[in-house]
PDB file of N, CA and C in Angstrom:
ATOM      1  N   UNK A   1     -12.586 -14.921 -14.193  1.00  0.00           N
ATOM      2  CA  UNK A   1     -12.440 -14.543 -13.128  1.00  0.00           C
ATOM      3  C   UNK A   1     -13.709 -13.196 -12.783  1.00  0.00           C
ATOM      4  N   UNK A   2     -14.385 -12.538 -12.014  1.00  0.00           N
ATOM      5  CA  UNK A   2     -15.529 -11.998 -11.902  1.00  0.00           C
ATOM      6  C   UNK A   2     -15.211 -10.543 -11.458  1.00  0.00           C
ATOM      7  N   UNK A   3     -15.171  -9.813 -12.205  1.00  0.00           N
ATOM      8  CA  UNK A   3     -15.048  -8.264 -11.694  1.00  0.00           C
ATOM      9  C   UNK A   3     -15.665  -7.528 -12.221  1.00  0.00           C
ATOM     10  N   UNK A   4     -15.861  -5.883 -11.937  1.00  0.00           N
ATOM     11  CA  UNK A   4     -16.432  -5.070 -12.736  1.00  0.00           C
ATOM     12  C   UNK A   4     -16.348  -5.025 -14.181  1.00  0.00           C
ATOM     13  N   UNK A   5     -17.596  -4.652 -15.131  1.00  0.00           N
ATOM     14  CA  UNK A   5     -17.357  -4.637 -15.951  1.00  0.00           C
ATOM     15  C   UNK A   5     -17.103  -3.129 -16.536  1.00  0.00           C
ATOM     16  N   UNK A   6     -17.649  -2.330 -15.690  1.00  0.00           N
ATOM     17  CA  UNK A   6     -17.527  -0.805 -15.682  1.00  0.00           C
ATOM     18  C   UNK A   6     -16.090  -0.562 -15.498  1.00  0.00           C
ATOM     19  N   UNK A   7     -15.961   1.398 -16.266  1.00  0.00           N
ATOM     20  CA  UNK A   7     -15.132   1.787 -16.428  1.00  0.00           C
ATOM     21  C   UNK A   7     -13.362   1.244 -16.603  1.00  0.00           C
ATOM     22  N   UNK A   8     -12.863   0.620 -17.620  1.00  0.00           N
ATOM     23  CA  UNK A   8     -12.443   0.059 -18.539  1.00  0.00           C
ATOM     24  C   UNK A   8     -11.568   1.338 -19.530  1.00  0.00           C
ATOM     25  N   UNK A   9     -10.229   0.873 -19.531  1.00  0.00           N
ATOM     26  CA  UNK A   9      -9.399   1.780 -20.143  1.00  0.00           C
ATOM     27  C   UNK A   9      -8.533   1.235 -21.203  1.00  0.00           C
ATOM     28  N   UNK A  10      -7.859   1.451 -22.387  1.00  0.00           N
ATOM     29  CA  UNK A  10      -7.125   0.696 -22.797  1.00  0.00           C
ATOM     30  C   UNK A  10      -5.402   0.980 -22.365  1.00  0.00           C
ATOM     31  N   UNK A  11      -4.866   0.045 -22.049  1.00  0.00           N
ATOM     32  CA  UNK A  11      -2.942   0.706 -21.301  1.00  0.00           C
ATOM     33  C   UNK A  11      -2.372   1.091 -22.910  1.00  0.00           C
ATOM     34  N   UNK A  12      -2.184   2.481 -21.927  1.00  0.00           N
ATOM     35  CA  UNK A  12      -1.320   3.028 -23.245  1.00  0.00           C
ATOM     36  C   UNK A  12       0.530   1.911 -23.133  1.00  0.00           C
ATOM     37  N   UNK A  13       1.109   2.473 -24.736  1.00  0.00           N
ATOM     38  CA  UNK A  13       2.518   1.843 -24.753  1.00  0.00           C
ATOM     39  C   UNK A  13       2.567   0.461 -24.441  1.00  0.00           C
ATOM     40  N   UNK A  14       1.458  -0.490 -25.208  1.00  0.00           N
ATOM     41  CA  UNK A  14       1.841  -1.902 -24.866  1.00  0.00           C
ATOM     42  C   UNK A  14       2.061  -2.705 -26.412  1.00  0.00           C
ATOM     43  N   UNK A  15       2.237  -1.374 -27.233  1.00  0.00           N
ATOM     44  CA  UNK A  15       1.977  -2.158 -28.807  1.00  0.00           C
ATOM     45  C   UNK A  15       3.276  -3.028 -29.162  1.00  0.00           C
ATOM     46  N   UNK A  16       4.373  -2.705 -28.516  1.00  0.00           N
ATOM     47  CA  UNK A  16       5.432  -3.550 -28.842  1.00  0.00           C
ATOM     48  C   UNK A  16       5.863  -4.790 -27.833  1.00  0.00           C
ATOM     49  N   UNK A  17       4.667  -5.038 -26.606  1.00  0.00           N
ATOM     50  CA  UNK A  17       4.731  -5.972 -25.807  1.00  0.00           C
ATOM     51  C   UNK A  17       4.919  -7.439 -26.325  1.00  0.00           C
ATOM     52  N   UNK A  18       5.243  -8.428 -26.055  1.00  0.00           N
ATOM     53  CA  UNK A  18       5.122  -9.272 -26.521  1.00  0.00           C
ATOM     54  C   UNK A  18       4.965 -10.859 -25.770  1.00  0.00           C
ATOM     55  N   UNK A  19       4.620 -11.902 -25.842  1.00  0.00           N
ATOM     56  CA  UNK A  19       4.599 -12.788 -24.914  1.00  0.00           C
ATOM     57  C   UNK A  19       5.433 -14.077 -25.610  1.00  0.00           C
ATOM     58  N   UNK A  20       5.556 -15.104 -24.833  1.00  0.00           N
ATOM     59  CA  UNK A  20       5.719 -16.618 -25.300  1.00  0.00           C
ATOM     60  C   UNK A  20       4.919 -16.829 -26.265  1.00  0.00           C
ATOM     61  N   UNK A  21       3.635 -16.863 -26.065  1.00  0.00           N
ATOM     62  CA  UNK A  21       2.405 -16.968 -26.746  1.00  0.00           C
ATOM     63  C   UNK A  21       1.999 -17.009 -28.329  1.00  0.00           C
ATOM     64  N   UNK A  22       3.555 -16.048 -28.787  1.00  0.00           N
ATOM     65  CA  UNK A  22       3.279 -15.975 -30.493  1.00  0.00           C
ATOM     66  C   UNK A  22       2.143 -14.414 -30.363  1.00  0.00           C
ATOM     67  N   UNK A  23       1.364 -14.317 -29.554  1.00  0.00           N
ATOM     68  CA  UNK A  23       0.072 -13.105 -29.741  1.00  0.00           C
ATOM     69  C   UNK A  23       0.065 -12.585 -28.500  1.00  0.00           C
ATOM     70  N   UNK A  24      -0.951 -11.698 -28.549  1.00  0.00           N
ATOM     71  CA  UNK A  24      -1.775 -11.582 -26.984  1.00  0.00           C
ATOM     72  C   UNK A  24      -3.158 -12.392 -27.131  1.00  0.00           C
ATOM     73  N   UNK A  25      -3.554 -12.457 -28.722  1.00  0.00           N
ATOM     74  CA  UNK A  25      -5.048 -13.319 -28.912  1.00  0.00           C
ATOM     75  C   UNK A  25      -4.831 -14.615 -28.285  1.00  0.00           C
ATOM     76  N   UNK A  26      -3.420 -15.607 -28.713  1.00  0.00           N
ATOM     77  CA  UNK A  26      -2.914 -16.650 -28.183  1.00  0.00           C
ATOM     78  C   UNK A  26      -2.778 -16.618 -26.754  1.00  0.00           C
ATOM     79  N   UNK A  27      -2.725 -16.065 -26.272  1.00  0.00           N
ATOM     80  CA  UNK A  27      -1.864 -15.579 -24.810  1.00  0.00           C
ATOM     81  C   UNK A  27      -3.567 -15.996 -24.351  1.00  0.00           C
ATOM     82  N   UNK A  28      -4.721 -15.184 -25.046  1.00  0.00           N
ATOM     83  CA  UNK A  28      -5.713 -15.059 -24.252  1.00  0.00           C
ATOM     84  C   UNK A  28      -6.629 -16.583 -24.617  1.00  0.00           C
ATOM     85  N   UNK A  29      -6.305 -17.331 -25.536  1.00  0.00           N
ATOM     86  CA  UNK A  29      -6.637 -18.549 -25.871  1.00  0.00           C
ATOM     87  C   UNK A  29      -5.983 -19.680 -24.859  1.00  0.00           C
ATOM     88  N   UNK A  30      -4.729 -19.782 -24.726  1.00  0.00           N
ATOM     89  CA  UNK A  30      -4.549 -20.319 -23.914  1.00  0.00           C
ATOM     90  C   UNK A  30      -4.824 -20.437 -22.710  1.00  0.00           C
ATOM     91  N   UNK A  31      -4.713 -19.072 -21.918  1.00  0.00           N
ATOM     92  CA  UNK A  31      -5.150 -19.240 -20.569  1.00  0.00           C
ATOM     93  C   UNK A  31      -6.522 -19.273 -19.928  1.00  0.00           C
ATOM     94  N   UNK A  32      -7.596 -18.761 -21.053  1.00  0.00           N
ATOM     95  CA  UNK A  32      -8.802 -18.894 -20.709  1.00  0.00           C
ATOM     96  C   UNK A  32      -9.505 -20.420 -21.011  1.00  0.00           C
ATOM     97  N   UNK A  33      -8.759 -21.526 -22.089  1.00  0.00           N
ATOM     98  CA  UNK A  33      -9.016 -22.545 -22.617  1.00  0.00           C
ATOM     99  C   UNK A  33     -10.764 -22.213 -23.257  1.00  0.00           C
ATOM    100  N   UNK A  34     -10.912 -20.931 -23.670  1.00  0.00           N
ATOM    101  CA  UNK A  34     -12.011 -20.758 -24.473  1.00  0.00           C
ATOM    102  C   UNK A  34     -11.989 -20.630 -25.975  1.00  0.00           C
ATOM    103  N   UNK A  35     -12.579 -20.912 -26.617  1.00  0.00           N
ATOM    104  CA  UNK A  35     -12.464 -20.387 -27.972  1.00  0.00           C
ATOM    105  C   UNK A  35     -12.734 -19.096 -28.248  1.00  0.00           C
ATOM    106  N   UNK A  36     -11.671 -18.433 -29.353  1.00  0.00           N
ATOM    107  CA  UNK A  36     -11.926 -17.050 -30.038  1.00  0.00           C
ATOM    108  C   UNK A  36     -13.194 -16.408 -30.516  1.00  0.00           C
ATOM    109  N   UNK A  37     -13.846 -15.812 -29.407  1.00  0.00           N
ATOM    110  CA  UNK A  37     -14.794 -15.411 -29.580  1.00  0.00           C
ATOM    111  C   UNK A  37     -15.303 -14.717 -30.944  1.00  0.00           C
ATOM    112  N   UNK A  38     -16.054 -14.289 -31.718  1.00  0.00           N
ATOM    113  CA  UNK A  38     -16.759 -14.142 -32.868  1.00  0.00           C
ATOM    114  C   UNK A  38     -16.373 -12.120 -33.184  1.00  0.00           C
ATOM    115  N   UNK A  39     -16.843 -11.781 -31.607  1.00  0.00           N
ATOM    116  CA  UNK A  39     -17.274 -10.550 -31.367  1.00  0.00           C
ATOM    117  C   UNK A  39     -16.433  -9.761 -30.344  1.00  0.00           C
ATOM    118  N   UNK A  40     -16.264  -8.447 -30.664  1.00  0.00           N
ATOM    119  CA  UNK A  40     -15.431  -7.484 -29.519  1.00  0.00           C
ATOM    120  C   UNK A  40     -15.905  -7.145 -28.207  1.00  0.00           C
ATOM    121  N   UNK A  41     -14.726  -7.453 -27.609  1.00  0.00           N
ATOM    122  CA  UNK A  41     -15.648  -7.753 -25.818  1.00  0.00           C
ATOM    123  C   UNK A  41     -16.307  -6.001 -25.696  1.00  0.00           C
ATOM    124  N   UNK A  42     -16.351  -4.994 -26.040  1.00  0.00           N
ATOM    125  CA  UNK A  42     -16.575  -3.878 -25.307  1.00  0.00           C
ATOM    126  C   UNK A  42     -17.958  -3.712 -25.922  1.00  0.00           C
ATOM    127  N   UNK A  43     -18.815  -3.182 -24.803  1.00  0.00           N
ATOM    128  CA  UNK A  43     -20.105  -3.214 -24.802  1.00  0.00           C
ATOM    129  C   UNK A  43     -20.608  -1.985 -25.702  1.00  0.00           C
ATOM    130  N   UNK A  44     -21.166  -2.160 -26.623  1.00  0.00           N
ATOM    131  CA  UNK A  44     -22.224  -1.673 -27.931  1.00  0.00           C
ATOM    132  C   UNK A  44     -21.512  -1.830 -29.199  1.00  0.00           C
ATOM    133  N   UNK A  45     -20.214  -2.992 -29.009  1.00  0.00           N
ATOM    134  CA  UNK A  45     -19.809  -2.888 -30.388  1.00  0.00           C
ATOM    135  C   UNK A  45     -19.701  -4.554 -31.133  1.00  0.00           C
ATOM    136  N   UNK A  46     -20.270  -4.420 -32.122  1.00  0.00           N
ATOM    137  CA  UNK A  46     -20.469  -5.642 -32.630  1.00  0.00           C
ATOM    138  C   UNK A  46     -19.175  -6.649 -33.997  1.00  0.00           C
ATOM    139  N   UNK A  47     -17.836  -5.369 -33.925  1.00  0.00           N
ATOM    140  CA  UNK A  47     -16.979  -5.482 -35.011  1.00  0.00           C
ATOM    141  C   UNK A  47     -16.192  -7.078 -34.566  1.00  0.00           C
ATOM    142  N   UNK A  48     -15.995  -7.647 -35.718  1.00  0.00           N
ATOM    143  CA  UNK A  48     -14.878  -9.005 -35.271  1.00  0.00           C
ATOM    144  C   UNK A  48     -13.434  -9.274 -33.877  1.00  0.00           C
ATOM    145  N   UNK A  49     -13.925  -9.485 -33.519  1.00  0.00           N
ATOM    146  CA  UNK A  49     -12.480  -9.416 -32.410  1.00  0.00           C
ATOM    147  C   UNK A  49     -11.354 -10.061 -33.162  1.00  0.00           C
ATOM    148  N   UNK A  50     -10.317  -9.075 -33.009  1.00  0.00           N
ATOM    149  CA  UNK A  50      -9.175  -9.014 -33.904  1.00  0.00           C
ATOM    150  C   UNK A  50      -8.186  -9.343 -33.151  1.00  0.00           C
ATOM    151  N   UNK A  51      -7.817  -8.871 -32.020  1.00  0.00           N
ATOM    152  CA  UNK A  51      -6.835  -8.758 -31.166  1.00  0.00           C
ATOM    153  C   UNK A  51      -7.183  -8.743 -29.732  1.00  0.00           C
ATOM    154  N   UNK A  52      -5.709  -9.344 -29.025  1.00  0.00           N
ATOM    155  CA  UNK A  52      -5.703  -9.240 -27.377  1.00  0.00           C
ATOM    156  C   UNK A  52      -5.421  -7.960 -27.124  1.00  0.00           C
ATOM    157  N   UNK A  53      -6.201  -6.923 -26.476  1.00  0.00           N
ATOM    158  CA  UNK A  53      -6.372  -5.511 -26.345  1.00  0.00           C
ATOM    159  C   UNK A  53      -6.227  -5.541 -24.547  1.00  0.00           C
ATOM    160  N   UNK A  54      -4.648  -5.336 -24.136  1.00  0.00           N
ATOM    161  CA  UNK A  54      -4.049  -4.407 -22.753  1.00  0.00           C
ATOM    162  C   UNK A  54      -5.398  -3.570 -22.234  1.00  0.00           C
ATOM    163  N   UNK A  55      -6.514  -4.148 -21.276  1.00  0.00           N
ATOM    164  CA  UNK A  55      -7.251  -2.915 -20.975  1.00  0.00           C
ATOM    165  C   UNK A  55      -6.683  -2.965 -19.204  1.00  0.00           C
ATOM    166  N   UNK A  56      -7.058  -1.841 -18.325  1.00  0.00           N
ATOM    167  CA  UNK A  56      -6.997  -1.534 -16.895  1.00  0.00           C
ATOM    168  C   UNK A  56      -8.221  -0.768 -16.306  1.00  0.00           C
ATOM    169  N   UNK A  57      -8.572  -0.486 -15.313  1.00  0.00           N
ATOM    170  CA  UNK A  57      -9.466  -0.081 -14.421  1.00  0.00           C
ATOM    171  C   UNK A  57      -8.592   0.196 -12.534  1.00  0.00           C
ATOM    172  N   UNK A  58      -9.300   1.240 -12.757  1.00  0.00           N
ATOM    173  CA  UNK A  58      -8.821   2.070 -11.684  1.00  0.00           C
ATOM    174  C   UNK A  58      -9.721   1.512 -10.322  1.00  0.00           C
ATOM    175  N   UNK A  59     -10.369   0.760 -10.233  1.00  0.00           N
ATOM    176  CA  UNK A  59     -11.103   0.088  -9.120  1.00  0.00           C
ATOM    177  C   UNK A  59     -10.415  -1.640  -9.374  1.00  0.00           C
ATOM    178  N   UNK A  60      -9.967  -1.811 -10.282  1.00  0.00           N
ATOM    179  CA  UNK A  60      -9.398  -3.373 -10.191  1.00  0.00           C
ATOM    180  C   UNK A  60      -7.801  -3.234 -10.402  1.00  0.00           C
ATOM    181  N   UNK A  61      -7.440  -4.429  -9.651  1.00  0.00           N
ATOM    182  CA  UNK A  61      -5.731  -4.419  -9.428  1.00  0.00           C
ATOM    183  C   UNK A  61      -5.332  -5.074 -10.908  1.00  0.00           C
ATOM    184  N   UNK A  62      -4.385  -4.870 -11.021  1.00  0.00           N
ATOM    185  CA  UNK A  62      -3.754  -5.653 -12.688  1.00  0.00           C
ATOM    186  C   UNK A  62      -4.173  -5.291 -13.875  1.00  0.00           C
ATOM    187  N   UNK A  63      -3.570  -5.757 -14.601  1.00  0.00           N
ATOM    188  CA  UNK A  63      -3.962  -5.297 -16.101  1.00  0.00           C
ATOM    189  C   UNK A  63      -4.102  -6.492 -16.780  1.00  0.00           C
ATOM    190  N   UNK A  64      -5.359  -6.565 -17.998  1.00  0.00           N
ATOM    191  CA  UNK A  64      -5.815  -7.568 -18.479  1.00  0.00           C
ATOM    192  C   UNK A  64      -5.707  -7.462 -20.248  1.00  0.00           C
ATOM    193  N   UNK A  65      -6.472  -8.800 -20.504  1.00  0.00           N
ATOM    194  CA  UNK A  65      -6.131  -8.924 -22.012  1.00  0.00           C
ATOM    195  C   UNK A  65      -7.489  -9.268 -22.174  1.00  0.00           C
ATOM    196  N   UNK A  66      -8.284  -8.920 -23.312  1.00  0.00           N
ATOM    197  CA  UNK A  66      -9.617  -9.425 -23.670  1.00  0.00           C
ATOM    198  C   UNK A  66      -9.970  -9.261 -24.852  1.00  0.00           C
ATOM    199  N   UNK A  67     -10.976 -10.191 -25.783  1.00  0.00           N
ATOM    200  CA  UNK A  67     -10.341 -10.126 -27.358  1.00  0.00           C
ATOM    201  C   UNK A  67     -11.286  -8.718 -27.646  1.00  0.00           C
ATOM    202  N   UNK A  68     -10.512  -7.583 -28.596  1.00  0.00           N
ATOM    203  CA  UNK A  68     -10.961  -6.578 -29.425  1.00  0.00           C
ATOM    204  C   UNK A  68     -11.010  -6.706 -30.669  1.00  0.00           C
ATOM    205  N   UNK A  69     -11.683  -5.445 -30.877  1.00  0.00           N
ATOM    206  CA  UNK A  69     -11.593  -5.193 -32.427  1.00  0.00           C
ATOM    207  C   UNK A  69      -9.948  -4.190 -32.603  1.00  0.00           C
ATOM    208  N   UNK A  70      -9.446  -3.837 -33.639  1.00  0.00           N
ATOM    209  CA  UNK A  70      -8.630  -3.031 -33.550  1.00  0.00           C
ATOM    210  C   UNK A  70      -8.904  -1.547 -33.381  1.00  0.00           C
ATOM    211  N   UNK A  71     -10.399  -0.934 -33.541  1.00  0.00           N
ATOM    212  CA  UNK A  71     -10.782   0.272 -33.454  1.00  0.00           C
ATOM    213  C   UNK A  71     -11.019   0.455 -31.418  1.00  0.00           C
ATOM    214  N   UNK A  72     -11.478  -0.637 -31.530  1.00  0.00           N
ATOM    215  CA  UNK A  72     -11.797  -0.499 -29.751  1.00  0.00           C
ATOM    216  C   UNK A  72     -10.503  -0.813 -29.468  1.00  0.00           C
ATOM    217  N   UNK A  73      -9.845  -1.137 -30.121  1.00  0.00           N
ATOM    218  CA  UNK A  73      -7.801  -0.998 -29.160  1.00  0.00           C
ATOM    219  C   UNK A  73      -7.235   0.071 -29.494  1.00  0.00           C
ATOM    220  N   UNK A  74      -7.869   0.553 -29.915  1.00  0.00           N
ATOM    221  CA  UNK A  74      -6.967   1.935 -30.188  1.00  0.00           C
ATOM    222  C   UNK A  74      -7.766   2.969 -29.526  1.00  0.00           C
ATOM    223  N   UNK A  75      -8.603   2.865 -29.203  1.00  0.00           N
ATOM    224  CA  UNK A  75      -9.730   3.669 -28.154  1.00  0.00           C
ATOM    225  C   UNK A  75      -9.220   4.722 -27.196  1.00  0.00           C
ATOM    226  N   UNK A  76      -9.377   5.844 -27.191  1.00  0.00           N
ATOM    227  CA  UNK A  76      -8.700   6.290 -25.469  1.00  0.00           C
ATOM    228  C   UNK A  76      -9.536   6.791 -24.747  1.00  0.00           C
ATOM    229  N   UNK A  77     -10.618   6.189 -25.061  1.00  0.00           N
ATOM    230  CA  UNK A  77     -11.822   6.747 -24.070  1.00  0.00           C
ATOM    231  C   UNK A  77     -12.407   5.514 -23.241  1.00  0.00           C
ATOM    232  N   UNK A  78     -13.051   6.067 -21.993  1.00  0.00           N
ATOM    233  CA  UNK A  78     -13.184   5.183 -20.764  1.00  0.00           C
ATOM    234  C   UNK A  78     -14.609   3.791 -21.770  1.00  0.00           C
ATOM    235  N   UNK A  79     -14.534   2.643 -21.534  1.00  0.00           N
ATOM    236  CA  UNK A  79     -15.439   1.693 -22.337  1.00  0.00           C
ATOM    237  C   UNK A  79     -16.099   0.815 -21.049  1.00  0.00           C
ATOM    238  N   UNK A  80     -16.988   0.161 -21.350  1.00  0.00           N
ATOM    239  CA  UNK A  80     -17.838  -0.533 -20.610  1.00  0.00           C
ATOM    240  C   UNK A  80     -17.529  -1.958 -20.967  1.00  0.00           C
ATOM    241  N   UNK A  81     -17.119  -3.176 -20.453  1.00  0.00           N
ATOM    242  CA  UNK A  81     -17.104  -4.309 -20.979  1.00  0.00           C
ATOM    243  C   UNK A  81     -18.703  -5.654 -21.185  1.00  0.00           C
ATOM    244  N   UNK A  82     -18.673  -5.780 -22.555  1.00  0.00           N
ATOM    245  CA  UNK A  82     -19.960  -6.814 -22.496  1.00  0.00           C
ATOM    246  C   UNK A  82     -20.269  -7.731 -21.026  1.00  0.00           C
ATOM    247  N   UNK A  83     -21.216  -8.508 -21.176  1.00  0.00           N
ATOM    248  CA  UNK A  83     -21.531  -9.497 -19.651  1.00  0.00           C
ATOM    249  C   UNK A  83     -20.649 -10.736 -19.922  1.00  0.00           C
ATOM    250  N   UNK A  84     -19.986 -11.066 -18.935  1.00  0.00           N
ATOM    251  CA  UNK A  84     -19.370 -12.666 -19.421  1.00  0.00           C
ATOM    252  C   UNK A  84     -18.165 -12.482 -20.203  1.00  0.00           C
ATOM    253  N   UNK A  85     -17.669 -11.393 -19.938  1.00  0.00           N
ATOM    254  CA  UNK A  85     -16.289 -11.240 -20.857  1.00  0.00           C
ATOM    255  C   UNK A  85     -15.414 -11.834 -19.658  1.00  0.00           C
ATOM    256  N   UNK A  86     -14.186 -12.638 -20.234  1.00  0.00           N
ATOM    257  CA  UNK A  86     -13.420 -13.715 -19.753  1.00  0.00           C
ATOM    258  C   UNK A  86     -12.198 -12.871 -19.640  1.00  0.00           C
ATOM    259  N   UNK A  87     -11.631 -12.001 -18.945  1.00  0.00           N
ATOM    260  CA  UNK A  87     -10.488 -11.188 -18.631  1.00  0.00           C
ATOM    261  C   UNK A  87      -8.716 -12.390 -18.379  1.00  0.00           C
ATOM    262  N   UNK A  88      -8.448 -12.096 -18.414  1.00  0.00           N
ATOM    263  CA  UNK A  88      -7.115 -12.930 -18.822  1.00  0.00           C
ATOM    264  C   UNK A  88      -5.746 -12.167 -18.196  1.00  0.00           C
ATOM    265  N   UNK A  89      -5.252 -12.205 -16.854  1.00  0.00           N
ATOM    266  CA  UNK A  89      -3.840 -11.536 -16.521  1.00  0.00           C
ATOM    267  C   UNK A  89      -2.823 -11.356 -17.636  1.00  0.00           C
ATOM    268  N   UNK A  90      -2.651 -10.461 -17.949  1.00  0.00           N
ATOM    269  CA  UNK A  90      -1.358  -9.773 -19.018  1.00  0.00           C
ATOM    270  C   UNK A  90      -0.091 -10.480 -18.201  1.00  0.00           C
ATOM    271  N   UNK A  91       0.263 -10.301 -17.047  1.00  0.00           N
ATOM    272  CA  UNK A  91       1.020 -10.685 -15.795  1.00  0.00           C
ATOM    273  C   UNK A  91       2.056 -12.082 -16.696  1.00  0.00           C
ATOM    274  N   UNK A  92       3.000 -12.180 -17.800  1.00  0.00           N
ATOM    275  CA  UNK A  92       3.646 -13.039 -18.675  1.00  0.00           C
ATOM    276  C   UNK A  92       3.979 -14.652 -17.223  1.00  0.00           C
ATOM    277  N   UNK A  93       4.610 -13.604 -16.510  1.00  0.00           N
ATOM    278  CA  UNK A  93       4.954 -14.587 -15.525  1.00  0.00           C
ATOM    279  C   UNK A  93       3.888 -16.021 -14.804  1.00  0.00           C
ATOM    280  N   UNK A  94       2.699 -15.441 -15.017  1.00  0.00           N
ATOM    281  CA  UNK A  94       1.384 -16.298 -14.596  1.00  0.00           C
ATOM    282  C   UNK A  94       0.618 -17.254 -15.532  1.00  0.00           C
ATOM    283  N   UNK A  95       0.520 -16.294 -16.593  1.00  0.00           N
ATOM    284  CA  UNK A  95       0.001 -17.401 -17.275  1.00  0.00           C
ATOM    285  C   UNK A  95       0.463 -18.116 -19.033  1.00  0.00           C
ATOM    286  N   UNK A  96       1.868 -17.115 -19.364  1.00  0.00           N
ATOM    287  CA  UNK A  96       2.621 -18.152 -20.673  1.00  0.00           C
ATOM    288  C   UNK A  96       2.965 -19.013 -20.320  1.00  0.00           C
ATOM    289  N   UNK A  97       2.884 -19.802 -21.117  1.00  0.00           N
ATOM    290  CA  UNK A  97       3.898 -21.209 -21.212  1.00  0.00           C
ATOM    291  C   UNK A  97       5.405 -20.555 -21.434  1.00  0.00           C
ATOM    292  N   UNK A  98       6.146 -21.243 -20.817  1.00  0.00           N
ATOM    293  CA  UNK A  98       7.571 -21.042 -21.247  1.00  0.00           C
ATOM    294  C   UNK A  98       8.026 -21.564 -22.501  1.00  0.00           C
TER     295      UNK A  98
END
């Protein structure tokens, strides 16, 4: 999916959500068909990608999952994504296996 890399924020209140994939990390792997990246998707961060972060953007419809470190996943600040990051819909009906 090709969308802007600028102006993303973490979606609040998603910590207790689950999906049939077992984790949001596995959700991203299953839906993207890509290997889990070594580093966080957030621009300027070189930490290890540990979790599937729920992110939103006022200029993009929907909620998405990206690989992120725990620190960036807990950030309340707006951030940009690194170039070429694969965004996966957080809509379980569209992306989770039954």
